[in-house]
């Protein structure tokens, strides 16, 4: 029978490694030590591609500096290109939440790249005398500059997709706002009738809110463009070539397509998690505003006969196992839950960033895990809202029209012309009698019928006659 394991050695001693594995002894020990989330770093393709990009840039820089033989560099570069293309994802098996400040993640990458590079040169896996995970793949590097640089690249890639998803959602609200542009309704403050507006204005607001958040994401992304490469252990650059940092960063920009630049102060960069805190805060902002929007959608669609019932959300599934015909606002509900998760993740990021000590933050793995999950789940939530909910929303137009004309909120439009006291008395009579403000004002001779017609025109009630539309155009 073929041998099913190979023996590898580290400072702890000998260890059996599966013979067909591309990873090695350090990875096996990490798998044994960290069984926290039930997931692996291989399930975060942006992170794996970023790690491979960093290692590829390092190999190219070390080759150019004469530190890495051309044949070894070529094999390492080839292995990295394969990984960036999606190969060997199943070999990245360590838990994303781990002790050691990301060392297990870095070692998993070093071992997979080394063993694939060995194959490219025609050698069996585990023959580290030819290509060594540390002496060659990790040459001139430390986990403490590799890992945060890779995390930043991974976050940037995920940020781009969330930005696109927010843009699509904003567009969906803009289109719906145009459809509802002439639908008059009552605005509310503190859940009480306020003044009239259009349903289009209400939906435009959601688009504007989302577009503002997309701009904030771009600002947060700019802070992630600093590269730690060359700082090595604590930022002093020990064991690194003096030209390595600039050269590796230039190659990383070329490989990743991101305009990364060397950090202005590697010692500061190695210990400072401020960019992650900033991004987490922006993601919390996105979550809060998305959740508020979904609260509105659930409230506006409540009923359908005993709630507000102003809009109808598209029915996407049966709502109850016991109540026939019930349909629930399940898409806004799931977006709410994602928002709650992201808000919780922000607290995790905050505490992890604050808990760093001296020259290194050992808790970046949980920061990366929290941010990558927040980005992925927010993107999926936006996609669901943009495709499964917003386009199918309809308005109960007659109900909205009647509610405006029955509302005492119309008194506000008349108050500048009849006075606050008279307006208050008019509102009280309308509430007491159930009659409309218009009928009571006419009967009392407060204003002529023609004047009431002018004041109660929809464009005057909603402010559209006074200023142009400010609809978002994502």
Protein backbone atom coordinates (compact mmCIF):
# COMPACT_ATOMS: atom_id res chain seq x y z
CA UNK A 1 0.00 0.00 0.00
CA UNK A 2 1.15 3.53 -0.72
CA UNK A 3 2.31 5.49 2.27
CA UNK A 4 -0.52 7.75 3.48
CA UNK A 5 1.58 10.14 5.54
CA UNK A 6 4.97 11.83 5.49
CA UNK A 7 6.99 12.94 8.50
CA UNK A 8 7.83 16.60 8.93
CA UNK A 9 9.69 18.28 11.76
CA UNK A 10 9.37 21.57 13.61
CA UNK A 11 10.62 22.93 16.93
CA UNK A 12 8.03 20.85 18.80
CA UNK A 13 9.17 17.61 17.15
CA UNK A 14 8.18 15.17 14.43
CA UNK A 15 4.64 15.13 13.07
CA UNK A 16 2.75 13.04 10.55
CA UNK A 17 1.34 15.01 7.63
CA UNK A 18 -1.04 13.54 5.02
CA UNK A 19 1.14 12.43 2.10
CA UNK A 20 -1.07 14.15 -0.48
CA UNK A 21 -1.32 17.42 1.45
CA UNK A 22 0.29 20.58 0.13
CA UNK A 23 0.35 22.00 3.64
CA UNK A 24 2.87 20.85 6.25
CA UNK A 25 3.65 20.41 9.92
CA UNK A 26 2.91 23.97 11.05
CA UNK A 27 -0.52 23.82 9.44
CA UNK A 28 -1.32 20.44 10.99
CA UNK A 29 -0.50 21.75 14.46
CA UNK A 30 -2.63 24.86 13.85
CA UNK A 31 -5.60 22.71 12.79
CA UNK A 32 -5.25 20.76 16.03
CA UNK A 33 -4.91 23.87 18.16
CA UNK A 34 -7.60 26.09 16.68
CA UNK A 35 -11.04 24.57 16.16
CA UNK A 36 -13.03 27.71 16.81
CA UNK A 37 -15.33 28.79 13.99
CA UNK A 38 -15.92 25.60 12.02
CA UNK A 39 -14.63 27.37 8.92
CA UNK A 40 -11.24 27.65 7.22
CA UNK A 41 -9.29 30.46 5.63
CA UNK A 42 -9.84 28.63 2.33
CA UNK A 43 -13.48 29.71 2.55
CA UNK A 44 -12.34 33.32 2.21
CA UNK A 45 -11.05 33.40 -1.39
CA UNK A 46 -10.15 37.09 -1.25
CA UNK A 47 -7.78 36.41 1.63
CA UNK A 48 -6.16 33.43 -0.13
CA UNK A 49 -5.69 35.41 -3.34
CA UNK A 50 -4.22 38.28 -1.32
CA UNK A 51 -1.77 35.99 0.46
CA UNK A 52 -0.64 34.56 -2.87
CA UNK A 53 -0.26 38.07 -4.27
CA UNK A 54 1.97 39.08 -1.36
CA UNK A 55 4.13 35.96 -1.71
CA UNK A 56 4.40 36.44 -5.47
CA UNK A 57 5.47 40.06 -5.05
CA UNK A 58 8.03 39.02 -2.46
CA UNK A 59 9.46 36.31 -4.72
CA UNK A 60 9.83 38.73 -7.60
CA UNK A 61 11.53 41.32 -5.41
CA UNK A 62 13.90 38.76 -3.86
CA UNK A 63 14.76 37.42 -7.32
CA UNK A 64 15.57 40.89 -8.60
CA UNK A 65 17.71 41.56 -5.53
CA UNK A 66 19.68 38.36 -6.14
CA UNK A 67 18.45 36.80 -2.90
CA UNK A 68 16.34 34.02 -4.44
CA UNK A 69 17.63 31.78 -7.26
CA UNK A 70 15.77 32.31 -10.51
CA UNK A 71 14.49 28.73 -10.77
CA UNK A 72 13.11 28.71 -7.23
CA UNK A 73 11.61 32.16 -7.70
CA UNK A 74 9.98 31.04 -10.93
CA UNK A 75 8.43 28.00 -9.27
CA UNK A 76 7.17 30.04 -6.32
CA UNK A 77 5.70 32.64 -8.67
CA UNK A 78 4.02 29.90 -10.71
CA UNK A 79 2.49 28.36 -7.57
CA UNK A 80 1.22 31.77 -6.47
CA UNK A 81 -0.38 32.42 -9.85
CA UNK A 82 -2.22 29.10 -9.63
CA UNK A 83 -3.50 29.90 -6.15
CA UNK A 84 -4.63 33.35 -7.24
CA UNK A 85 -6.56 31.64 -10.02
CA UNK A 86 -8.46 29.59 -7.43
CA UNK A 87 -6.47 26.37 -7.29
CA UNK A 88 -5.63 24.58 -4.01
CA UNK A 89 -8.21 26.46 -1.95
CA UNK A 90 -8.95 23.20 -0.12
CA UNK A 91 -5.37 23.17 1.17
CA UNK A 92 -5.86 26.34 3.22
CA UNK A 93 -7.28 24.58 6.22
CA UNK A 94 -6.47 26.60 9.34
CA UNK A 95 -9.24 28.29 11.29
CA UNK A 96 -9.43 32.03 10.57
CA UNK A 97 -9.62 32.78 14.31
CA UNK A 98 -6.29 31.73 15.78
CA UNK A 99 -3.64 32.67 18.29
CA UNK A 100 -0.29 33.91 17.05
CA UNK A 101 -1.29 37.11 15.25
CA UNK A 102 -1.89 35.27 11.97
CA UNK A 103 1.25 33.10 12.01
CA UNK A 104 -0.75 29.94 11.26
CA UNK A 105 -2.30 31.58 8.23
CA UNK A 106 1.09 32.73 6.96
CA UNK A 107 2.62 29.29 7.54
CA UNK A 108 -0.28 27.56 5.78
CA UNK A 109 0.40 29.76 2.76
CA UNK A 110 4.18 29.23 2.93
CA UNK A 111 3.81 25.44 3.05
CA UNK A 112 1.22 25.17 0.26
CA UNK A 113 3.25 27.44 -2.02
CA UNK A 114 6.51 25.61 -1.23
CA UNK A 115 5.07 22.17 -1.95
CA UNK A 116 3.37 23.24 -5.16
CA UNK A 117 6.61 24.94 -6.24
CA UNK A 118 8.47 21.69 -5.53
CA UNK A 119 6.07 19.86 -7.85
CA UNK A 120 6.60 22.45 -10.56
CA UNK A 121 10.35 21.73 -10.40
CA UNK A 122 9.71 17.97 -10.41
CA UNK A 123 10.34 17.23 -6.74
CA UNK A 124 8.08 15.42 -4.23
CA UNK A 125 6.19 17.37 -1.60
CA UNK A 126 8.05 17.79 1.64
CA UNK A 127 11.53 18.03 0.10
CA UNK A 128 12.26 21.29 1.84
CA UNK A 129 15.98 21.02 1.24
CA UNK A 130 15.15 22.19 -2.30
CA UNK A 131 12.44 24.77 -1.58
CA UNK A 132 11.79 25.65 2.05
CA UNK A 133 8.57 27.32 3.26
CA UNK A 134 10.54 29.75 5.44
CA UNK A 135 13.96 30.11 3.85
CA UNK A 136 12.55 30.66 0.36
CA UNK A 137 8.81 31.39 0.31
CA UNK A 138 8.96 33.57 3.42
CA UNK A 139 12.33 35.14 2.59
CA UNK A 140 12.66 38.69 3.91
CA UNK A 141 9.21 38.53 5.47
CA UNK A 142 7.43 38.12 8.78
CA UNK A 143 3.85 37.21 9.58
CA UNK A 144 3.69 40.69 11.03
CA UNK A 145 4.07 42.39 7.65
CA UNK A 146 2.63 39.66 5.40
CA UNK A 147 -0.62 39.02 7.24
CA UNK A 148 -1.89 42.61 7.69
CA UNK A 149 -0.92 43.45 4.12
CA UNK A 150 -2.87 40.46 2.82
CA UNK A 151 -5.84 41.27 5.04
CA UNK A 152 -5.92 44.81 3.68
CA UNK A 153 -5.89 43.54 0.09
CA UNK A 154 -8.66 41.06 0.86
CA UNK A 155 -10.78 43.77 2.44
CA UNK A 156 -10.26 46.04 -0.56
CA UNK A 157 -11.49 43.35 -2.95
CA UNK A 158 -14.55 42.69 -0.82
CA UNK A 159 -15.18 46.42 -0.42
CA UNK A 160 -15.38 46.86 -4.19
CA UNK A 161 -18.14 44.26 -4.38
CA UNK A 162 -20.08 45.78 -1.49
CA UNK A 163 -19.84 49.16 -3.19
CA UNK A 164 -21.27 47.68 -6.37
CA UNK A 165 -24.10 46.03 -4.41
CA UNK A 166 -24.93 49.31 -2.67
CA UNK A 167 -24.94 51.06 -6.04
CA UNK A 168 -27.39 48.52 -7.46
CA UNK A 169 -29.62 48.90 -4.41
CA UNK A 170 -29.57 52.70 -4.67
CA UNK A 171 -30.54 52.39 -8.34
CA UNK A 172 -33.45 50.12 -7.43
CA UNK A 173 -34.74 52.74 -5.00
CA UNK A 174 -34.26 55.54 -7.57
CA UNK A 175 -36.31 53.61 -10.12
CA UNK A 176 -39.03 52.93 -7.59
CA UNK A 177 -38.99 56.59 -6.52
CA UNK A 178 -39.63 57.61 -10.12
CA UNK A 179 -42.55 55.20 -10.30
CA UNK A 180 -44.01 56.68 -7.10
CA UNK A 181 -43.18 60.29 -7.95
CA UNK A 182 -46.78 61.54 -7.97
CA UNK A 183 -48.18 59.33 -5.20
CA UNK A 184 -49.23 61.64 -2.37
CA UNK A 185 -49.06 60.38 1.21
CA UNK A 186 -48.71 61.62 4.76
CA UNK A 187 -45.26 61.96 6.24
CA UNK A 188 -44.90 61.04 9.88
CA UNK A 189 -42.76 62.09 12.81
CA UNK A 190 -42.76 60.01 16.00
CA UNK A 191 -45.31 57.75 14.25
CA UNK A 192 -47.82 60.63 14.21
CA UNK A 193 -49.21 62.43 11.17
CA UNK A 194 -46.88 65.28 10.17
CA UNK A 195 -47.21 66.86 6.73
CA UNK A 196 -47.80 65.50 3.22
CA UNK A 197 -45.07 64.23 0.97
CA UNK A 198 -44.88 61.85 -1.97
CA UNK A 199 -43.98 58.20 -1.81
CA UNK A 200 -41.37 59.05 -4.42
CA UNK A 201 -39.72 61.49 -2.02
CA UNK A 202 -39.69 58.79 0.65
CA UNK A 203 -37.99 56.27 -1.64
CA UNK A 204 -35.57 58.87 -2.98
CA UNK A 205 -34.38 59.39 0.57
CA UNK A 206 -33.41 55.72 0.82
CA UNK A 207 -31.37 56.02 -2.37
CA UNK A 208 -29.58 59.13 -1.11
CA UNK A 209 -28.77 57.47 2.22
CA UNK A 210 -27.28 54.45 0.47
CA UNK A 211 -25.27 56.54 -1.97
CA UNK A 212 -23.79 58.55 0.89
CA UNK A 213 -22.63 55.31 2.51
CA UNK A 214 -21.07 54.14 -0.73
CA UNK A 215 -18.97 57.29 -0.74
CA UNK A 216 -17.89 56.64 2.85
CA UNK A 217 -16.76 53.15 1.83
CA UNK A 218 -14.45 54.74 -0.73
CA UNK A 219 -12.91 56.91 1.96
CA UNK A 220 -12.34 53.90 4.21
CA UNK A 221 -10.80 51.96 1.32
CA UNK A 222 -8.15 54.65 0.82
CA UNK A 223 -6.78 53.92 4.31
CA UNK A 224 -6.19 50.27 3.40
CA UNK A 225 -3.71 51.00 0.63
CA UNK A 226 -0.65 51.11 2.88
CA UNK A 227 1.64 48.07 2.58
CA UNK A 228 3.57 46.72 5.55
CA UNK A 229 5.97 44.68 3.39
CA UNK A 230 9.55 45.27 4.44
CA UNK A 231 8.77 46.02 8.07
CA UNK A 232 9.28 42.36 9.04
CA UNK A 233 8.93 41.61 12.77
CA UNK A 234 8.09 44.95 14.41
CA UNK A 235 8.63 47.45 11.62
CA UNK A 236 12.37 47.95 11.91
CA UNK A 237 13.01 45.90 8.77
CA UNK A 238 15.38 43.45 10.45
CA UNK A 239 16.67 40.73 8.06
CA UNK A 240 15.28 42.67 5.11
CA UNK A 241 17.12 44.12 2.12
CA UNK A 242 17.06 47.95 2.13
CA UNK A 243 15.51 48.03 -1.35
CA UNK A 244 13.03 45.23 -0.70
CA UNK A 245 10.10 47.25 0.70
CA UNK A 246 9.80 49.61 -2.24
CA UNK A 247 10.35 46.89 -4.83
CA UNK A 248 7.94 44.39 -3.25
CA UNK A 249 5.28 47.06 -2.91
CA UNK A 250 5.62 48.04 -6.58
CA UNK A 251 5.20 44.41 -7.61
CA UNK A 252 2.24 44.00 -5.26
CA UNK A 253 0.50 46.98 -6.86
CA UNK A 254 1.07 45.47 -10.29
CA UNK A 255 -0.14 42.00 -9.28
CA UNK A 256 -3.17 43.07 -7.25
CA UNK A 257 -4.27 45.99 -9.38
CA UNK A 258 -4.54 48.11 -6.25
CA UNK A 259 -2.44 51.31 -5.92
CA UNK A 260 -0.76 50.15 -2.72
CA UNK A 261 2.14 52.16 -1.33
CA UNK A 262 4.72 51.55 1.39
CA UNK A 263 3.70 52.71 4.83
CA UNK A 264 5.23 55.98 5.97
CA UNK A 265 6.26 54.39 9.27
CA UNK A 266 6.52 50.62 9.44
CA UNK A 267 6.75 50.50 13.23
CA UNK A 268 3.53 52.44 13.54
CA UNK A 269 1.86 50.36 10.83
CA UNK A 270 2.75 47.07 12.52
CA UNK A 271 0.87 47.92 15.71
CA UNK A 272 -1.85 50.33 14.55
CA UNK A 273 -5.26 48.88 13.60
CA UNK A 274 -6.88 52.26 13.04
CA UNK A 275 -7.71 51.58 9.39
CA UNK A 276 -9.63 48.46 10.42
CA UNK A 277 -11.53 50.38 13.09
CA UNK A 278 -12.40 53.07 10.56
CA UNK A 279 -13.69 50.51 8.06
CA UNK A 280 -15.66 48.70 10.74
CA UNK A 281 -17.30 51.97 11.75
CA UNK A 282 -18.34 52.65 8.17
CA UNK A 283 -19.76 49.13 7.85
CA UNK A 284 -21.73 49.73 11.04
CA UNK A 285 -23.03 52.96 9.53
CA UNK A 286 -24.14 51.06 6.42
CA UNK A 287 -25.80 48.41 8.59
CA UNK A 288 -27.63 50.93 10.76
CA UNK A 289 -29.05 52.80 7.78
CA UNK A 290 -30.00 49.65 5.90
CA UNK A 291 -31.75 48.37 9.00
CA UNK A 292 -33.62 51.66 9.45
CA UNK A 293 -34.73 51.48 5.82
CA UNK A 294 -35.98 47.92 6.31
CA UNK A 295 -37.80 48.95 9.48
CA UNK A 296 -39.63 51.53 7.35
CA UNK A 297 -40.49 48.99 4.66
CA UNK A 298 -41.90 46.60 7.24
CA UNK A 299 -43.91 49.35 8.91
CA UNK A 300 -45.23 50.85 5.67
CA UNK A 301 -46.35 47.41 4.49
CA UNK A 302 -47.82 46.36 7.85
CA UNK A 303 -51.29 44.87 7.82
CA UNK A 304 -52.36 44.34 5.14
CA UNK A 305 -55.73 45.44 6.58
CA UNK A 306 -54.99 46.42 10.18
CA UNK A 307 -51.63 48.16 9.78
CA UNK A 308 -50.44 51.13 7.75
CA UNK A 309 -50.86 49.20 4.52
CA UNK A 310 -49.39 51.96 2.37
CA UNK A 311 -47.18 49.70 0.26
CA UNK A 312 -47.10 46.01 -0.60
CA UNK A 313 -43.88 44.03 -0.52
CA UNK A 314 -43.61 41.28 -3.12
CA UNK A 315 -44.67 37.89 -1.68
CA UNK A 316 -41.65 35.59 -1.90
CA UNK A 317 -42.76 32.71 0.32
CA UNK A 318 -45.58 31.53 2.53
CA UNK A 319 -45.46 33.24 5.89
CA UNK A 320 -46.90 30.79 8.35
CA UNK A 321 -47.33 27.10 9.04
CA UNK A 322 -50.59 27.76 10.88
CA UNK A 323 -52.13 30.96 9.44
CA UNK A 324 -53.21 30.39 5.81
CA UNK A 325 -52.55 33.24 3.44
CA UNK A 326 -50.13 35.07 5.72
CA UNK A 327 -47.13 36.67 4.00
CA UNK A 328 -44.25 38.09 6.00
CA UNK A 329 -41.65 40.77 5.11
CA UNK A 330 -38.88 38.17 5.09
CA UNK A 331 -36.36 40.03 2.93
CA UNK A 332 -36.30 43.17 5.11
CA UNK A 333 -36.21 40.87 8.15
CA UNK A 334 -33.09 39.08 6.97
CA UNK A 335 -31.42 42.40 6.18
CA UNK A 336 -32.23 43.56 9.72
CA UNK A 337 -30.52 40.45 11.10
CA UNK A 338 -27.41 41.00 9.00
CA UNK A 339 -27.31 44.56 10.33
CA UNK A 340 -27.45 43.30 13.92
CA UNK A 341 -24.53 40.95 13.17
CA UNK A 342 -22.44 43.73 11.60
CA UNK A 343 -23.06 46.01 14.56
CA UNK A 344 -21.87 43.23 16.86
CA UNK A 345 -18.83 42.61 14.67
CA UNK A 346 -17.94 46.27 15.02
CA UNK A 347 -17.71 45.87 18.78
CA UNK A 348 -15.45 42.84 18.28
CA UNK A 349 -13.17 44.85 15.99
CA UNK A 350 -13.12 47.73 18.44
CA UNK A 351 -12.13 45.57 21.39
CA UNK A 352 -9.54 43.61 19.39
CA UNK A 353 -7.91 46.80 18.09
CA UNK A 354 -7.87 48.35 21.56
CA UNK A 355 -6.34 45.23 23.10
CA UNK A 356 -3.10 45.32 21.12
CA UNK A 357 0.04 45.75 23.17
CA UNK A 358 3.32 47.46 22.38
CA UNK A 359 4.70 46.70 18.89
CA UNK A 360 2.09 44.23 17.65
CA UNK A 361 -1.62 43.53 17.79
CA UNK A 362 -2.06 39.79 18.28
CA UNK A 363 -5.79 39.95 17.62
CA UNK A 364 -5.84 40.82 13.94
CA UNK A 365 -7.22 37.36 13.00
CA UNK A 366 -10.56 38.06 14.69
CA UNK A 367 -10.53 41.57 13.17
CA UNK A 368 -10.07 40.09 9.70
CA UNK A 369 -12.69 37.41 10.31
CA UNK A 370 -15.24 39.94 11.56
CA UNK A 371 -14.68 42.42 8.75
CA UNK A 372 -14.68 39.84 5.96
CA UNK A 373 -17.92 38.35 7.26
CA UNK A 374 -19.51 41.78 7.63
CA UNK A 375 -18.57 42.71 4.07
CA UNK A 376 -19.80 39.44 2.60
CA UNK A 377 -23.07 39.41 4.51
CA UNK A 378 -23.83 43.07 3.83
CA UNK A 379 -23.24 42.49 0.14
CA UNK A 380 -25.59 39.49 0.13
CA UNK A 381 -28.20 41.46 2.06
CA UNK A 382 -28.04 44.35 -0.43
CA UNK A 383 -28.35 41.90 -3.32
CA UNK A 384 -31.42 40.31 -1.74
CA UNK A 385 -33.07 43.67 -1.13
CA UNK A 386 -32.25 44.95 -4.62
CA UNK A 387 -33.45 41.85 -6.47
CA UNK A 388 -36.04 40.15 -4.24
CA UNK A 389 -37.83 43.10 -2.67
CA UNK A 390 -37.54 46.70 -3.90
CA UNK A 391 -38.42 46.17 -7.61
CA UNK A 392 -41.65 44.38 -6.69
CA UNK A 393 -42.97 46.96 -4.22
CA UNK A 394 -46.37 48.40 -5.12
CA UNK A 395 -48.29 51.33 -3.67
CA UNK A 396 -51.83 51.31 -2.35
CA UNK A 397 -52.57 54.54 -4.10
CA UNK A 398 -56.24 55.05 -3.20
CA UNK A 399 -55.56 54.32 0.44
CA UNK A 400 -52.69 56.82 0.46
CA UNK A 401 -54.81 59.48 -1.25
CA UNK A 402 -57.67 59.05 1.20
CA UNK A 403 -55.37 59.08 4.22
CA UNK A 404 -53.91 62.44 3.19
CA UNK A 405 -57.29 64.07 2.79
CA UNK A 406 -58.55 62.65 6.09
CA UNK A 407 -55.45 63.71 8.01
CA UNK A 408 -55.39 66.70 10.33
CA UNK A 409 -51.80 67.16 9.12
CA UNK A 410 -53.22 69.35 6.35
CA UNK A 411 -53.73 72.05 8.96
CA UNK A 412 -50.00 72.74 8.86
CA UNK A 413 -50.32 73.94 5.25
CA UNK A 414 -53.07 76.34 6.29
CA UNK A 415 -51.50 77.64 9.52
CA UNK A 416 -49.46 80.46 7.88
CA UNK A 417 -52.72 81.80 6.42
CA UNK A 418 -55.18 81.31 9.31
CA UNK A 419 -52.81 81.43 12.32
CA UNK A 420 -51.56 78.78 14.69
CA UNK A 421 -54.46 79.11 17.16
CA UNK A 422 -57.14 78.83 14.50
CA UNK A 423 -55.26 75.91 13.00
CA UNK A 424 -55.18 74.13 16.35
CA UNK A 425 -58.93 74.61 16.81
CA UNK A 426 -59.53 73.35 13.29
CA UNK A 427 -57.45 70.24 13.93
CA UNK A 428 -59.36 69.51 17.14
CA UNK A 429 -62.71 69.81 15.38
CA UNK A 430 -61.54 67.52 12.59
CA UNK A 431 -60.43 64.87 15.07
CA UNK A 432 -63.62 65.18 17.12
CA UNK A 433 -66.03 65.05 14.19
CA UNK A 434 -64.17 62.86 11.72
CA UNK A 435 -64.72 65.48 9.04
CA UNK A 436 -61.97 66.73 6.75
CA UNK A 437 -59.89 69.82 7.39
CA UNK A 438 -60.89 71.20 4.00
CA UNK A 439 -64.65 70.89 4.67
CA UNK A 440 -64.39 72.45 8.11
CA UNK A 441 -62.21 75.33 6.88
CA UNK A 442 -64.67 76.07 4.08
CA UNK A 443 -67.65 75.88 6.40
CA UNK A 444 -66.02 78.23 8.91
CA UNK A 445 -65.16 80.70 6.17
CA UNK A 446 -61.50 80.65 7.11
CA UNK A 447 -60.40 80.55 3.46
CA UNK A 448 -62.15 80.59 0.12
CA UNK A 449 -62.58 77.41 -1.86
CA UNK A 450 -60.21 78.69 -4.54
CA UNK A 451 -57.57 79.56 -1.96
CA UNK A 452 -57.90 76.12 -0.37
CA UNK A 453 -57.55 74.51 -3.80
CA UNK A 454 -54.26 76.36 -4.29
CA UNK A 455 -52.85 75.65 -0.84
CA UNK A 456 -53.78 71.97 -0.93
CA UNK A 457 -52.36 71.21 -4.36
CA UNK A 458 -49.96 68.25 -4.13
CA UNK A 459 -46.98 70.24 -5.43
CA UNK A 460 -47.54 72.89 -2.77
CA UNK A 461 -48.07 70.35 -0.02
CA UNK A 462 -44.86 68.47 -0.81
CA UNK A 463 -42.54 71.39 -1.55
CA UNK A 464 -41.94 70.32 -5.15
CA UNK A 465 -43.13 73.66 -6.45
CA UNK A 466 -40.46 75.47 -4.43
CA UNK A 467 -37.31 73.53 -5.32
CA UNK A 468 -36.04 71.02 -7.84
CA UNK A 469 -35.80 67.28 -7.20
CA UNK A 470 -32.67 66.01 -5.45
CA UNK A 471 -33.06 62.38 -6.47
CA UNK A 472 -29.87 60.34 -6.21
CA UNK A 473 -28.21 59.24 -9.43
CA UNK A 474 -25.86 56.40 -8.49
